[in-house]
Amino acid sequence: GEVTIRELFRNSLRMRADRVIVGEVRGAEALDMLQAMCAGQNGSLAILHASSPWHVIYRLETMILTTFSNMTAEMIYRQIASAVHLIVHQEQMRDGSRRITHITQVRGMEAGEILLDDIFAYDMQGVSPSGDVIGRWRASGITPSFYPTMIRSGIALPQEIFQRD
């Protein structure tokens, strides 16, 4: 009577939803998720555990390779590069709080490698006397490649927020 995440995910695609959210990607559903994102499921969201934005890429690769041994790393990277636009990475700080530490765009592929650019990164500057982490966001100076799409969609972020700190 088991119903897997993969079966639920595939059935959700048949319902032609505007948005697909996968609570946690752990295995074979990683490839289904990427293929759905490539096939026009705009606004999809998936959660997976990784220690950095780069490790998100490596985890996706590993999940797919362990399930589909006939795929090469380059085939998987092409799927990731065309499907994933943004990685939002959260970490648990020394004080136990959780903070978004990276907002990273997937810019594409070059020479068989995925290109990642941090748009924003959290700069931990120290710890307060009460033990709370002190820090601030820093912009890298890179305007995301999808910025024109945001503007066309009615998300009016001023371009100045992307200027290097």
Protein backbone atom coordinates (compact mmCIF):
# COMPACT_ATOMS: atom_id res chain seq x y z
CA GLY A 1 0.00 0.00 0.00
CA GLU A 2 3.01 2.32 -0.15
CA VAL A 3 2.65 5.53 -2.12
CA THR A 4 6.05 7.07 -2.84
CA ILE A 5 6.91 10.75 -3.17
CA ARG A 6 7.80 10.00 -6.78
CA GLU A 7 4.29 8.64 -7.50
CA LEU A 8 2.68 11.63 -5.76
CA PHE A 9 4.87 14.01 -7.71
CA ARG A 10 4.08 12.39 -11.06
CA ASN A 11 0.35 12.47 -10.29
CA SER A 12 0.55 16.15 -9.34
CA LEU A 13 2.01 16.88 -12.78
CA ARG A 14 -0.98 15.19 -14.42
CA MET A 15 -3.21 17.68 -12.63
CA ARG A 16 -1.49 20.51 -14.54
CA ALA A 17 -0.88 22.61 -11.44
CA ASP A 18 0.50 26.14 -11.82
CA ARG A 19 2.98 25.50 -9.03
CA VAL A 20 4.63 22.32 -7.78
CA ILE A 21 6.18 22.18 -4.33
CA VAL A 22 8.15 19.12 -3.26
CA GLY A 23 8.58 19.10 0.52
CA GLU A 24 11.87 17.22 0.46
CA VAL A 25 13.78 15.67 -2.40
CA ARG A 26 15.57 12.51 -1.29
CA GLY A 27 15.91 10.18 -4.27
CA ALA A 28 14.45 9.24 -7.65
CA GLU A 29 11.96 12.12 -7.58
CA ALA A 30 14.91 14.49 -8.15
CA LEU A 31 14.96 13.66 -11.87
CA ASP A 32 11.17 13.88 -12.17
CA MET A 33 11.29 17.28 -10.47
CA LEU A 34 14.00 18.58 -12.83
CA GLN A 35 12.18 17.29 -15.91
CA ALA A 36 8.93 18.92 -14.77
CA MET A 37 10.72 22.22 -14.22
CA CYS A 38 12.21 21.99 -17.73
CA ALA A 39 8.79 21.19 -19.21
CA GLY A 40 7.18 24.43 -18.16
CA GLN A 41 6.29 24.00 -14.48
CA ASN A 42 7.27 27.58 -13.72
CA GLY A 43 7.38 28.51 -10.06
CA SER A 44 8.34 25.09 -8.78
CA LEU A 45 9.97 24.76 -5.39
CA ALA A 46 11.87 21.88 -3.86
CA ILE A 47 13.66 21.44 -0.58
CA LEU A 48 16.74 19.32 -0.06
CA HIS A 49 19.40 19.13 2.60
CA ALA A 50 22.89 20.29 1.63
CA SER A 51 25.67 22.21 3.34
CA SER A 52 26.15 24.87 0.63
CA PRO A 53 24.71 25.95 -2.73
CA TRP A 54 27.41 23.86 -4.46
CA HIS A 55 26.42 20.84 -2.42
CA VAL A 56 22.85 21.23 -3.69
CA ILE A 57 24.20 20.51 -7.18
CA TYR A 58 26.28 17.56 -5.96
CA ARG A 59 23.37 16.09 -3.96
CA LEU A 60 21.04 16.30 -6.97
CA GLU A 61 23.69 14.61 -9.11
CA THR A 62 24.19 11.83 -6.55
CA MET A 63 20.46 11.23 -6.08
CA ILE A 64 19.96 10.89 -9.82
CA LEU A 65 23.08 8.77 -10.43
CA THR A 66 22.20 6.30 -7.68
CA THR A 67 18.77 5.78 -9.22
CA PHE A 68 19.49 6.11 -12.95
CA SER A 69 22.95 4.64 -13.55
CA ASN A 70 22.67 5.08 -17.32
CA MET A 71 22.86 8.89 -17.07
CA THR A 72 26.17 10.74 -17.26
CA ALA A 73 27.08 13.61 -14.97
CA GLU A 74 26.97 15.97 -17.95
CA MET A 75 23.40 14.90 -18.79
CA ILE A 76 22.39 15.55 -15.19
CA TYR A 77 24.16 18.92 -15.12
CA ARG A 78 22.34 20.00 -18.30
CA GLN A 79 19.02 19.14 -16.63
CA ILE A 80 19.96 21.06 -13.46
CA ALA A 81 21.27 24.08 -15.39
CA SER A 82 18.09 24.37 -17.44
CA ALA A 83 15.66 23.66 -14.59
CA VAL A 84 17.06 25.41 -11.52
CA HIS A 85 17.28 29.20 -11.50
CA LEU A 86 17.83 30.01 -7.86
CA ILE A 87 19.20 28.30 -4.75
CA VAL A 88 18.26 29.77 -1.38
CA HIS A 89 20.53 28.27 1.27
CA GLN A 90 19.75 28.33 4.98
CA GLU A 91 22.17 27.48 7.79
CA GLN A 92 21.89 27.02 11.50
CA MET A 93 24.11 29.55 13.27
CA ARG A 94 26.20 29.03 16.40
CA ASP A 95 23.45 30.62 18.51
CA GLY A 96 20.89 28.11 17.24
CA SER A 97 19.10 30.59 14.96
CA ARG A 98 18.58 29.82 11.31
CA ARG A 99 19.53 32.36 8.67
CA ILE A 100 19.42 32.48 4.91
CA THR A 101 23.15 32.60 4.08
CA HIS A 102 23.18 32.51 0.27
CA ILE A 103 20.89 33.51 -2.54
CA THR A 104 22.62 31.99 -5.54
CA GLN A 105 21.65 31.88 -9.19
CA VAL A 106 22.34 28.99 -11.51
CA ARG A 107 23.69 30.84 -14.55
CA GLY A 108 24.02 27.85 -16.89
CA MET A 109 26.84 25.59 -17.99
CA GLU A 110 30.29 26.11 -19.39
CA ALA A 111 32.86 23.44 -20.27
CA GLY A 112 30.66 20.76 -18.67
CA GLU A 113 30.38 22.56 -15.32
CA ILE A 114 27.43 24.35 -13.75
CA LEU A 115 27.99 28.06 -13.14
CA LEU A 116 26.78 29.47 -9.83
CA ASP A 117 26.80 33.14 -8.82
CA ASP A 118 26.03 34.38 -5.33
CA ILE A 119 23.65 37.31 -5.66
CA PHE A 120 23.55 37.89 -1.91
CA ALA A 121 25.54 36.31 0.92
CA TYR A 122 25.18 36.67 4.68
CA ASP A 123 28.33 38.01 6.30
CA MET A 124 28.58 36.87 9.93
CA GLN A 125 30.46 39.63 11.73
CA GLY A 126 30.57 38.26 15.24
CA VAL A 127 28.54 37.36 18.29
CA SER A 128 26.83 39.80 20.67
CA PRO A 129 27.50 39.69 24.44
CA SER A 130 24.20 37.80 24.80
CA GLY A 131 25.42 35.14 22.33
CA ASP A 132 23.36 36.19 19.30
CA VAL A 133 24.98 36.04 15.87
CA ILE A 134 25.57 39.49 14.37
CA GLY A 135 25.83 39.92 10.63
CA ARG A 136 24.42 41.49 7.51
CA TRP A 137 23.58 40.75 3.93
CA ARG A 138 26.05 41.74 1.25
CA ALA A 139 25.21 42.09 -2.42
CA SER A 140 27.78 40.66 -4.82
CA GLY A 141 27.11 43.23 -7.54
CA ILE A 142 25.59 40.61 -9.84
CA THR A 143 22.12 41.34 -11.20
CA PRO A 144 20.31 38.01 -11.60
CA SER A 145 19.85 36.82 -15.15
CA PHE A 146 16.12 36.43 -14.45
CA TYR A 147 15.70 40.08 -13.35
CA PRO A 148 13.92 41.08 -16.63
CA THR A 149 11.44 38.23 -16.07
CA MET A 150 10.75 39.53 -12.55
CA ILE A 151 10.02 43.01 -13.91
CA ARG A 152 7.69 41.60 -16.62
CA SER A 153 5.90 39.61 -13.91
CA GLY A 154 5.22 42.76 -11.89
CA ILE A 155 7.91 42.29 -9.24
CA ALA A 156 9.36 45.78 -9.12
CA LEU A 157 12.62 45.34 -7.24
CA PRO A 158 14.89 48.34 -7.69
CA GLN A 159 18.03 47.27 -9.53
CA GLU A 160 20.13 49.18 -6.95
CA ILE A 161 19.64 46.39 -4.38
CA PHE A 162 22.03 44.26 -6.43
CA GLN A 163 24.86 46.82 -6.30
CA ARG A 164 27.99 45.55 -4.55
CA ASP A 165 28.25 46.46 -0.86
